[in-house]
């Protein structure tokens, strides 16, 4: 069996568990959270956990438990600097310098949200001024 087959089988099991989840998640705009990434999209893969990636919650006022997010990364492609917005990692429980991937804005199910990066809501919320700067940058990609 190929490595990709094993990963897809693991992901399919995880996806079934996510779909069964019935708990309502309380999500706040400006929150940094972890979310489950569809494994068949390789450019979204995380190196530490192939199913989890951090994201910024942009909006949570959608019907059907949907939320608008922007994925985050710790790696930057120097040829595409204009798609990133750097986050001061020391303020938000991130392990190292992180960047919002402004060109990957997407709507996902709240079921795909895993957890906040910490237990204190105030720390996991981006500063409003920083958030507004990111929103302005996102507008250039819409």
C-alpha atoms as a PDB file:
ATOM      1  CA  UNK A   1       0.000   0.000   0.000  1.00  0.00           C
ATOM      2  CA  UNK A   2       1.347   3.428  -0.960  1.00  0.00           C
ATOM      3  CA  UNK A   3       1.953   6.117   1.665  1.00  0.00           C
ATOM      4  CA  UNK A   4      -0.721   8.307   0.075  1.00  0.00           C
ATOM      5  CA  UNK A   5      -3.275   5.489   0.405  1.00  0.00           C
ATOM      6  CA  UNK A   6      -2.548   5.211   4.130  1.00  0.00           C
ATOM      7  CA  UNK A   7      -2.867   8.974   4.570  1.00  0.00           C
ATOM      8  CA  UNK A   8      -6.158   9.044   2.647  1.00  0.00           C
ATOM      9  CA  UNK A   9      -7.497   6.177   4.768  1.00  0.00           C
ATOM     10  CA  UNK A  10      -6.509   8.006   7.963  1.00  0.00           C
ATOM     11  CA  UNK A  11      -8.105  11.191   6.666  1.00  0.00           C
ATOM     12  CA  UNK A  12     -11.327   9.449   5.676  1.00  0.00           C
ATOM     13  CA  UNK A  13     -11.681   8.112   9.231  1.00  0.00           C
ATOM     14  CA  UNK A  14     -11.016  11.576  10.657  1.00  0.00           C
ATOM     15  CA  UNK A  15     -13.488  13.150   8.239  1.00  0.00           C
ATOM     16  CA  UNK A  16     -16.221  10.711   9.307  1.00  0.00           C
ATOM     17  CA  UNK A  17     -15.673  11.689  12.958  1.00  0.00           C
ATOM     18  CA  UNK A  18     -15.785  15.388  12.087  1.00  0.00           C
ATOM     19  CA  UNK A  19     -19.060  14.891  10.221  1.00  0.00           C
ATOM     20  CA  UNK A  20     -20.644  13.115  13.216  1.00  0.00           C
ATOM     21  CA  UNK A  21     -19.820  15.997  15.552  1.00  0.00           C
ATOM     22  CA  UNK A  22     -22.927  17.721  16.871  1.00  0.00           C
ATOM     23  CA  UNK A  23     -21.545  20.260  19.346  1.00  0.00           C
ATOM     24  CA  UNK A  24     -22.023  23.920  18.486  1.00  0.00           C
ATOM     25  CA  UNK A  25     -18.747  25.794  18.395  1.00  0.00           C
ATOM     26  CA  UNK A  26     -18.559  29.331  19.690  1.00  0.00           C
ATOM     27  CA  UNK A  27     -16.465  31.228  17.190  1.00  0.00           C
ATOM     28  CA  UNK A  28     -15.437  34.865  17.327  1.00  0.00           C
ATOM     29  CA  UNK A  29     -14.270  37.123  14.556  1.00  0.00           C
ATOM     30  CA  UNK A  30     -10.510  37.860  14.865  1.00  0.00           C
ATOM     31  CA  UNK A  31      -9.878  34.539  16.611  1.00  0.00           C
ATOM     32  CA  UNK A  32      -6.871  32.401  15.705  1.00  0.00           C
ATOM     33  CA  UNK A  33      -7.871  28.736  15.678  1.00  0.00           C
ATOM     34  CA  UNK A  34      -6.762  25.420  14.325  1.00  0.00           C
ATOM     35  CA  UNK A  35      -8.845  23.770  11.615  1.00  0.00           C
ATOM     36  CA  UNK A  36      -8.927  20.428   9.862  1.00  0.00           C
ATOM     37  CA  UNK A  37      -7.550  20.587   6.341  1.00  0.00           C
ATOM     38  CA  UNK A  38      -8.853  18.341   3.588  1.00  0.00           C
ATOM     39  CA  UNK A  39      -5.923  16.074   2.969  1.00  0.00           C
ATOM     40  CA  UNK A  40      -6.464  15.754  -0.789  1.00  0.00           C
ATOM     41  CA  UNK A  41      -5.313  19.359  -1.224  1.00  0.00           C
ATOM     42  CA  UNK A  42      -1.594  18.929  -0.760  1.00  0.00           C
ATOM     43  CA  UNK A  43      -0.620  22.588  -0.746  1.00  0.00           C
ATOM     44  CA  UNK A  44      -2.689  23.032   2.445  1.00  0.00           C
ATOM     45  CA  UNK A  45      -0.926  20.241   4.297  1.00  0.00           C
ATOM     46  CA  UNK A  46       0.708  20.854   7.660  1.00  0.00           C
ATOM     47  CA  UNK A  47       4.068  19.236   8.341  1.00  0.00           C
ATOM     48  CA  UNK A  48       3.490  18.488  12.045  1.00  0.00           C
ATOM     49  CA  UNK A  49      -0.018  17.103  11.739  1.00  0.00           C
ATOM     50  CA  UNK A  50      -1.210  16.367   8.212  1.00  0.00           C
ATOM     51  CA  UNK A  51      -4.790  17.307   9.108  1.00  0.00           C
ATOM     52  CA  UNK A  52      -4.439  20.502  11.192  1.00  0.00           C
ATOM     53  CA  UNK A  53      -3.521  24.072  10.317  1.00  0.00           C
ATOM     54  CA  UNK A  54      -3.944  27.485  12.025  1.00  0.00           C
ATOM     55  CA  UNK A  55      -6.340  30.048  10.611  1.00  0.00           C
ATOM     56  CA  UNK A  56      -7.771  33.462  11.316  1.00  0.00           C
ATOM     57  CA  UNK A  57     -11.553  33.752  11.654  1.00  0.00           C
ATOM     58  CA  UNK A  58     -12.650  36.608   9.389  1.00  0.00           C
ATOM     59  CA  UNK A  59     -16.419  36.300   9.756  1.00  0.00           C
ATOM     60  CA  UNK A  60     -18.780  33.894  11.473  1.00  0.00           C
ATOM     61  CA  UNK A  61     -22.177  35.336  10.552  1.00  0.00           C
ATOM     62  CA  UNK A  62     -23.124  32.788   7.929  1.00  0.00           C
ATOM     63  CA  UNK A  63     -26.038  30.408   7.967  1.00  0.00           C
ATOM     64  CA  UNK A  64     -25.623  26.647   8.226  1.00  0.00           C
ATOM     65  CA  UNK A  65     -22.681  26.814  10.624  1.00  0.00           C
ATOM     66  CA  UNK A  66     -20.253  28.204   8.073  1.00  0.00           C
ATOM     67  CA  UNK A  67     -17.333  30.488   8.838  1.00  0.00           C
ATOM     68  CA  UNK A  68     -15.011  32.606   6.670  1.00  0.00           C
ATOM     69  CA  UNK A  69     -11.338  31.941   7.406  1.00  0.00           C
ATOM     70  CA  UNK A  70      -7.875  32.732   6.138  1.00  0.00           C
ATOM     71  CA  UNK A  71      -5.223  30.005   6.607  1.00  0.00           C
ATOM     72  CA  UNK A  72      -1.924  30.820   8.260  1.00  0.00           C
ATOM     73  CA  UNK A  73       1.615  29.588   7.702  1.00  0.00           C
ATOM     74  CA  UNK A  74       5.102  29.941   9.120  1.00  0.00           C
ATOM     75  CA  UNK A  75       6.839  29.696   5.748  1.00  0.00           C
ATOM     76  CA  UNK A  76       6.971  32.500   3.245  1.00  0.00           C
ATOM     77  CA  UNK A  77       7.692  32.413  -0.471  1.00  0.00           C
ATOM     78  CA  UNK A  78       9.879  35.464  -1.043  1.00  0.00           C
ATOM     79  CA  UNK A  79       8.652  35.730  -4.642  1.00  0.00           C
ATOM     80  CA  UNK A  80       5.056  36.223  -3.438  1.00  0.00           C
ATOM     81  CA  UNK A  81       5.533  38.566  -0.473  1.00  0.00           C
ATOM     82  CA  UNK A  82       2.398  40.586  -1.285  1.00  0.00           C
ATOM     83  CA  UNK A  83       0.047  37.684  -0.415  1.00  0.00           C
ATOM     84  CA  UNK A  84       1.182  37.527   3.233  1.00  0.00           C
ATOM     85  CA  UNK A  85       0.422  39.525   6.336  1.00  0.00           C
ATOM     86  CA  UNK A  86       2.856  38.968   9.203  1.00  0.00           C
ATOM     87  CA  UNK A  87       1.453  38.353  12.693  1.00  0.00           C
ATOM     88  CA  UNK A  88       3.404  39.185  15.839  1.00  0.00           C
ATOM     89  CA  UNK A  89       3.604  35.632  17.142  1.00  0.00           C
ATOM     90  CA  UNK A  90       4.581  36.573  20.704  1.00  0.00           C
ATOM     91  CA  UNK A  91       1.150  38.115  21.379  1.00  0.00           C
ATOM     92  CA  UNK A  92      -1.041  35.285  20.145  1.00  0.00           C
ATOM     93  CA  UNK A  93       0.349  31.946  21.396  1.00  0.00           C
ATOM     94  CA  UNK A  94       1.947  31.094  18.075  1.00  0.00           C
ATOM     95  CA  UNK A  95       5.176  29.081  18.060  1.00  0.00           C
ATOM     96  CA  UNK A  96       7.014  31.396  15.704  1.00  0.00           C
ATOM     97  CA  UNK A  97       6.547  34.196  13.204  1.00  0.00           C
ATOM     98  CA  UNK A  98       3.346  33.475  11.308  1.00  0.00           C
ATOM     99  CA  UNK A  99       1.712  34.866   8.218  1.00  0.00           C
ATOM    100  CA  UNK A 100      -1.887  35.133   7.089  1.00  0.00           C
ATOM    101  CA  UNK A 101      -2.244  33.754   3.550  1.00  0.00           C
ATOM    102  CA  UNK A 102      -4.446  36.498   2.124  1.00  0.00           C
ATOM    103  CA  UNK A 103      -4.900  34.768  -1.222  1.00  0.00           C
ATOM    104  CA  UNK A 104      -6.471  31.652   0.361  1.00  0.00           C
ATOM    105  CA  UNK A 105      -9.603  33.095   1.954  1.00  0.00           C
ATOM    106  CA  UNK A 106     -12.337  30.423   2.164  1.00  0.00           C
ATOM    107  CA  UNK A 107     -15.622  29.392   3.730  1.00  0.00           C
ATOM    108  CA  UNK A 108     -15.590  26.194   5.796  1.00  0.00           C
ATOM    109  CA  UNK A 109     -17.934  24.356   8.130  1.00  0.00           C
ATOM    110  CA  UNK A 110     -17.527  25.148  11.822  1.00  0.00           C
ATOM    111  CA  UNK A 111     -17.240  21.391  12.295  1.00  0.00           C
ATOM    112  CA  UNK A 112     -13.776  21.656  10.734  1.00  0.00           C
ATOM    113  CA  UNK A 113     -12.594  23.995  13.498  1.00  0.00           C
ATOM    114  CA  UNK A 114     -10.521  22.126  16.036  1.00  0.00           C
ATOM    115  CA  UNK A 115      -9.641  24.423  18.913  1.00  0.00           C
ATOM    116  CA  UNK A 116      -8.352  27.810  19.940  1.00  0.00           C
ATOM    117  CA  UNK A 117      -4.635  28.171  20.459  1.00  0.00           C
ATOM    118  CA  UNK A 118      -5.194  28.885  24.155  1.00  0.00           C
ATOM    119  CA  UNK A 119      -7.925  29.035  26.763  1.00  0.00           C
ATOM    120  CA  UNK A 120      -8.017  32.810  27.119  1.00  0.00           C
ATOM    121  CA  UNK A 121     -10.297  34.426  24.553  1.00  0.00           C
ATOM    122  CA  UNK A 122      -8.623  37.819  24.798  1.00  0.00           C
ATOM    123  CA  UNK A 123      -5.226  36.455  23.841  1.00  0.00           C
ATOM    124  CA  UNK A 124      -6.492  34.441  20.893  1.00  0.00           C
ATOM    125  CA  UNK A 125      -8.241  37.497  19.401  1.00  0.00           C
ATOM    126  CA  UNK A 126      -6.184  39.649  17.073  1.00  0.00           C
ATOM    127  CA  UNK A 127      -5.904  43.294  17.910  1.00  0.00           C
ATOM    128  CA  UNK A 128      -8.708  45.142  16.084  1.00  0.00           C
ATOM    129  CA  UNK A 129      -6.320  47.504  14.249  1.00  0.00           C
ATOM    130  CA  UNK A 130      -4.269  44.567  12.980  1.00  0.00           C
ATOM    131  CA  UNK A 131      -7.451  42.767  11.958  1.00  0.00           C
ATOM    132  CA  UNK A 132      -8.648  45.800   9.973  1.00  0.00           C
ATOM    133  CA  UNK A 133      -5.289  45.968   8.170  1.00  0.00           C
ATOM    134  CA  UNK A 134      -5.688  42.315   7.193  1.00  0.00           C
ATOM    135  CA  UNK A 135      -9.240  42.973   5.968  1.00  0.00           C
ATOM    136  CA  UNK A 136      -7.933  45.778   3.756  1.00  0.00           C
ATOM    137  CA  UNK A 137      -5.287  43.474   2.344  1.00  0.00           C
ATOM    138  CA  UNK A 138      -7.912  40.742   1.757  1.00  0.00           C
ATOM    139  CA  UNK A 139     -10.001  43.171  -0.273  1.00  0.00           C
ATOM    140  CA  UNK A 140      -7.261  43.329  -2.877  1.00  0.00           C
ATOM    141  CA  UNK A 141      -7.703  39.589  -3.497  1.00  0.00           C
ATOM    142  CA  UNK A 142     -11.474  39.626  -3.925  1.00  0.00           C
END
